[in-house]
Amino acid sequence: MNRHNVNRTQSAVVPMQQLLFLGMALLLTLAVGLFHHSWQTARLADQVAAQTALLTQLRATPHASTLVKAAEPLASAENAPAVLERVEPQQRWVF
């Protein structure tokens, strides 16, 4: 009888240890996730600050317009047929 009682005590301890281990693993995972999120947020804020500083510096420079390339002109009606002739139709797979 005494032996049967000891087995019950040991079997009750094992799930408790597993639950404690699971709880600690969950807390550790949450802590690492929060740390990673705060690190990504700080990194994003640094990138935005650097871009803002660069844009402010470029706008303040009088020759800033020379640094920016002009956009390519759009195809006119005269060039449109030549462009359409060069475009090859793509094969499409229909399932």
N, C-alpha and C. Protein backbone atom coordinates (compact mmCIF):
# COMPACT_ATOMS: atom_id res chain seq x y z
N MET A 1 0.80 -1.19 0.00
CA MET A 1 0.00 0.00 0.00
C MET A 1 0.86 1.27 0.00
N ASN A 2 1.88 1.22 0.78
CA ASN A 2 2.76 2.37 0.85
C ASN A 2 3.42 2.65 -0.51
N ARG A 3 3.77 1.60 -1.20
CA ARG A 3 4.42 1.73 -2.50
C ARG A 3 3.48 2.36 -3.52
N HIS A 4 2.23 2.00 -3.49
CA HIS A 4 1.25 2.56 -4.42
C HIS A 4 1.06 4.07 -4.17
N ASN A 5 1.12 4.49 -2.94
CA ASN A 5 0.97 5.89 -2.57
C ASN A 5 2.17 6.71 -3.08
N VAL A 6 3.37 6.17 -3.07
CA VAL A 6 4.56 6.85 -3.54
C VAL A 6 4.48 7.08 -5.04
N ASN A 7 4.00 6.13 -5.79
CA ASN A 7 3.85 6.28 -7.24
C ASN A 7 2.89 7.42 -7.58
N ARG A 8 1.82 7.56 -6.83
CA ARG A 8 0.89 8.66 -7.08
C ARG A 8 1.56 10.01 -6.86
N THR A 9 2.37 10.12 -5.84
CA THR A 9 3.05 11.37 -5.54
C THR A 9 4.04 11.71 -6.65
N GLN A 10 4.79 10.73 -7.11
CA GLN A 10 5.75 10.97 -8.18
C GLN A 10 5.05 11.31 -9.48
N SER A 11 3.93 10.64 -9.75
CA SER A 11 3.22 10.92 -10.99
C SER A 11 2.56 12.30 -10.96
N ALA A 12 2.25 12.81 -9.78
CA ALA A 12 1.68 14.15 -9.68
C ALA A 12 2.77 15.23 -9.81
N VAL A 13 4.00 14.90 -9.45
CA VAL A 13 5.09 15.86 -9.51
C VAL A 13 5.52 16.08 -10.96
N VAL A 14 5.51 15.05 -11.77
CA VAL A 14 5.99 15.17 -13.15
C VAL A 14 5.15 16.17 -13.95
N PRO A 15 3.82 16.09 -13.94
CA PRO A 15 3.07 17.11 -14.70
C PRO A 15 3.29 18.52 -14.17
N MET A 16 3.50 18.66 -12.87
CA MET A 16 3.75 19.99 -12.30
C MET A 16 5.07 20.53 -12.84
N GLN A 17 6.10 19.70 -12.91
CA GLN A 17 7.38 20.12 -13.46
C GLN A 17 7.23 20.49 -14.94
N GLN A 18 6.46 19.69 -15.66
CA GLN A 18 6.26 19.99 -17.08
C GLN A 18 5.52 21.31 -17.25
N LEU A 19 4.53 21.56 -16.41
CA LEU A 19 3.79 22.82 -16.50
C LEU A 19 4.69 24.01 -16.17
N LEU A 20 5.53 23.85 -15.15
CA LEU A 20 6.46 24.94 -14.82
C LEU A 20 7.44 25.19 -15.95
N PHE A 21 7.96 24.11 -16.55
CA PHE A 21 8.88 24.26 -17.67
C PHE A 21 8.19 24.93 -18.85
N LEU A 22 6.96 24.52 -19.14
CA LEU A 22 6.19 25.12 -20.23
C LEU A 22 5.93 26.60 -19.97
N GLY A 23 5.60 26.94 -18.74
CA GLY A 23 5.38 28.35 -18.38
C GLY A 23 6.64 29.19 -18.52
N MET A 24 7.77 28.65 -18.09
CA MET A 24 9.03 29.38 -18.23
C MET A 24 9.41 29.54 -19.70
N ALA A 25 9.18 28.51 -20.49
CA ALA A 25 9.48 28.60 -21.92
C ALA A 25 8.59 29.65 -22.58
N LEU A 26 7.34 29.70 -22.20
CA LEU A 26 6.42 30.69 -22.75
C LEU A 26 6.83 32.11 -22.35
N LEU A 27 7.20 32.30 -21.10
CA LEU A 27 7.64 33.63 -20.65
C LEU A 27 8.93 34.05 -21.37
N LEU A 28 9.84 33.12 -21.54
CA LEU A 28 11.08 33.44 -22.25
C LEU A 28 10.80 33.81 -23.70
N THR A 29 9.91 33.07 -24.34
CA THR A 29 9.54 33.37 -25.72
C THR A 29 8.90 34.75 -25.84
N LEU A 30 8.01 35.08 -24.93
CA LEU A 30 7.38 36.39 -24.95
C LEU A 30 8.39 37.51 -24.71
N ALA A 31 9.33 37.29 -23.79
CA ALA A 31 10.34 38.32 -23.52
C ALA A 31 11.22 38.54 -24.74
N VAL A 32 11.63 37.47 -25.39
CA VAL A 32 12.47 37.61 -26.58
C VAL A 32 11.69 38.29 -27.70
N GLY A 33 10.41 37.95 -27.85
CA GLY A 33 9.57 38.58 -28.86
C GLY A 33 9.43 40.08 -28.63
N LEU A 34 9.21 40.47 -27.38
CA LEU A 34 9.11 41.90 -27.06
C LEU A 34 10.43 42.63 -27.31
N PHE A 35 11.53 41.99 -26.98
CA PHE A 35 12.84 42.59 -27.23
C PHE A 35 13.06 42.77 -28.73
N HIS A 36 12.72 41.77 -29.51
CA HIS A 36 12.90 41.85 -30.96
C HIS A 36 12.01 42.95 -31.55
N HIS A 37 10.78 43.05 -31.08
CA HIS A 37 9.87 44.07 -31.57
C HIS A 37 10.40 45.47 -31.25
N SER A 38 10.88 45.68 -30.03
CA SER A 38 11.39 47.00 -29.67
C SER A 38 12.66 47.32 -30.45
N TRP A 39 13.48 46.32 -30.73
CA TRP A 39 14.69 46.53 -31.51
C TRP A 39 14.34 46.92 -32.95
N GLN A 40 13.35 46.24 -33.54
CA GLN A 40 12.94 46.56 -34.91
C GLN A 40 12.33 47.97 -34.96
N THR A 41 11.55 48.34 -33.98
CA THR A 41 10.95 49.66 -33.94
C THR A 41 12.02 50.75 -33.84
N ALA A 42 13.01 50.53 -32.99
CA ALA A 42 14.09 51.51 -32.86
C ALA A 42 14.89 51.60 -34.16
N ARG A 43 15.12 50.48 -34.79
CA ARG A 43 15.86 50.47 -36.06
C ARG A 43 15.10 51.21 -37.14
N LEU A 44 13.79 51.02 -37.20
CA LEU A 44 12.95 51.72 -38.17
C LEU A 44 12.96 53.22 -37.90
N ALA A 45 12.90 53.60 -36.63
CA ALA A 45 12.92 55.03 -36.28
C ALA A 45 14.26 55.66 -36.70
N ASP A 46 15.35 54.92 -36.53
CA ASP A 46 16.65 55.44 -36.96
C ASP A 46 16.71 55.62 -38.46
N GLN A 47 16.14 54.68 -39.22
CA GLN A 47 16.13 54.79 -40.68
C GLN A 47 15.31 55.99 -41.13
N VAL A 48 14.16 56.19 -40.50
CA VAL A 48 13.31 57.32 -40.87
C VAL A 48 14.01 58.64 -40.54
N ALA A 49 14.69 58.69 -39.41
CA ALA A 49 15.41 59.91 -39.03
C ALA A 49 16.54 60.19 -40.02
N ALA A 50 17.26 59.16 -40.43
CA ALA A 50 18.34 59.35 -41.39
C ALA A 50 17.80 59.81 -42.74
N GLN A 51 16.71 59.24 -43.19
CA GLN A 51 16.12 59.65 -44.47
C GLN A 51 15.61 61.08 -44.40
N THR A 52 14.99 61.44 -43.29
CA THR A 52 14.49 62.80 -43.13
C THR A 52 15.65 63.80 -43.14
N ALA A 53 16.74 63.46 -42.47
CA ALA A 53 17.90 64.36 -42.45
C ALA A 53 18.49 64.50 -43.85
N LEU A 54 18.56 63.41 -44.59
CA LEU A 54 19.10 63.47 -45.94
C LEU A 54 18.21 64.31 -46.86
N LEU A 55 16.90 64.13 -46.76
CA LEU A 55 15.98 64.93 -47.59
C LEU A 55 16.06 66.41 -47.23
N THR A 56 16.17 66.70 -45.94
CA THR A 56 16.29 68.10 -45.52
C THR A 56 17.57 68.71 -46.05
N GLN A 57 18.64 67.93 -46.02
CA GLN A 57 19.92 68.43 -46.53
C GLN A 57 19.85 68.65 -48.03
N LEU A 58 19.22 67.74 -48.76
CA LEU A 58 19.12 67.89 -50.21
C LEU A 58 18.25 69.09 -50.59
N ARG A 59 17.19 69.30 -49.86
CA ARG A 59 16.31 70.44 -50.16
C ARG A 59 16.97 71.77 -49.82
N ALA A 60 17.85 71.77 -48.83
CA ALA A 60 18.51 73.01 -48.43
C ALA A 60 19.63 73.38 -49.41
N THR A 61 20.15 72.42 -50.14
CA THR A 61 21.23 72.69 -51.08
C THR A 61 20.66 73.37 -52.32
N PRO A 62 21.26 74.50 -52.78
CA PRO A 62 20.72 75.19 -53.94
C PRO A 62 20.85 74.39 -55.24
N HIS A 63 21.81 73.50 -55.31
CA HIS A 63 22.01 72.71 -56.53
C HIS A 63 21.37 71.33 -56.42
N ALA A 64 20.38 71.21 -55.58
CA ALA A 64 19.76 69.90 -55.37
C ALA A 64 19.05 69.41 -56.63
N SER A 65 18.58 70.34 -57.46
CA SER A 65 17.85 69.92 -58.65
C SER A 65 18.78 69.24 -59.65
N THR A 66 20.08 69.52 -59.59
CA THR A 66 21.01 68.86 -60.51
C THR A 66 21.28 67.42 -60.10
N LEU A 67 21.01 67.09 -58.83
CA LEU A 67 21.24 65.72 -58.36
C LEU A 67 20.13 64.78 -58.79
N VAL A 68 18.97 65.32 -59.10
CA VAL A 68 17.83 64.49 -59.45
C VAL A 68 17.72 64.42 -60.96
N LYS A 69 17.66 63.19 -61.49
CA LYS A 69 17.52 63.03 -62.93
C LYS A 69 16.08 63.34 -63.34
N ALA A 70 15.96 63.92 -64.51
CA ALA A 70 14.62 64.17 -65.04
C ALA A 70 14.02 62.85 -65.48
N ALA A 71 12.71 62.77 -65.37
CA ALA A 71 12.03 61.55 -65.77
C ALA A 71 12.07 61.41 -67.29
N GLU A 72 12.09 60.16 -67.74
CA GLU A 72 12.08 59.91 -69.17
C GLU A 72 10.74 60.38 -69.74
N PRO A 73 10.75 61.00 -70.93
CA PRO A 73 9.47 61.42 -71.51
C PRO A 73 8.62 60.21 -71.88
N LEU A 74 7.34 60.38 -71.77
CA LEU A 74 6.41 59.31 -72.11
C LEU A 74 6.40 59.08 -73.61
N ALA A 75 6.05 57.88 -74.01
CA ALA A 75 5.98 57.56 -75.44
C ALA A 75 4.85 58.36 -76.08
N SER A 76 5.17 58.98 -77.19
CA SER A 76 4.14 59.77 -77.86
C SER A 76 3.33 58.85 -78.79
N ALA A 77 2.36 59.41 -79.43
CA ALA A 77 1.51 58.63 -80.33
C ALA A 77 2.30 58.11 -81.52
N GLU A 78 3.36 58.84 -81.92
CA GLU A 78 4.17 58.39 -83.05
C GLU A 78 4.96 57.13 -82.71
N ASN A 79 5.45 57.03 -81.50
CA ASN A 79 6.27 55.90 -81.08
C ASN A 79 5.44 54.71 -80.62
N ALA A 80 4.17 54.89 -80.36
CA ALA A 80 3.33 53.83 -79.80
C ALA A 80 3.25 52.60 -80.69
N PRO A 81 3.03 52.69 -82.02
CA PRO A 81 2.97 51.46 -82.83
C PRO A 81 4.28 50.70 -82.84
N ALA A 82 5.40 51.39 -82.83
CA ALA A 82 6.69 50.71 -82.82
C ALA A 82 6.90 49.94 -81.52
N VAL A 83 6.43 50.52 -80.43
CA VAL A 83 6.56 49.86 -79.14
C VAL A 83 5.67 48.63 -79.10
N LEU A 84 4.46 48.75 -79.63
CA LEU A 84 3.54 47.62 -79.61
C LEU A 84 4.02 46.47 -80.49
N GLU A 85 4.73 46.77 -81.55
CA GLU A 85 5.23 45.71 -82.42
C GLU A 85 6.35 44.92 -81.75
N ARG A 86 7.11 45.55 -80.88
CA ARG A 86 8.23 44.87 -80.21
C ARG A 86 7.77 44.00 -79.04
N VAL A 87 6.58 44.24 -78.53
CA VAL A 87 6.10 43.49 -77.38
C VAL A 87 5.63 42.12 -77.85
N GLU A 88 6.19 41.07 -77.26
CA GLU A 88 5.78 39.72 -77.62
C GLU A 88 4.71 39.24 -76.64
N PRO A 89 3.70 38.57 -77.13
CA PRO A 89 2.67 38.07 -76.21
C PRO A 89 3.24 36.98 -75.30
N GLN A 90 2.83 37.01 -74.06
CA GLN A 90 3.29 36.02 -73.10
C GLN A 90 2.39 34.80 -73.14
N GLN A 91 2.97 33.64 -72.89
CA GLN A 91 2.16 32.44 -72.81
C GLN A 91 1.44 32.44 -71.48
N ARG A 92 0.20 32.03 -71.49
CA ARG A 92 -0.58 31.99 -70.26
C ARG A 92 -1.07 30.58 -70.04
N TRP A 93 -0.93 30.15 -68.83
CA TRP A 93 -1.37 28.81 -68.47
C TRP A 93 -2.68 28.92 -67.72
N VAL A 94 -3.67 28.22 -68.20
CA VAL A 94 -4.97 28.23 -67.56
C VAL A 94 -5.25 26.82 -67.05
N PHE A 95 -5.56 26.72 -65.80
CA PHE A 95 -5.85 25.41 -65.22
C PHE A 95 -7.30 25.29 -64.91
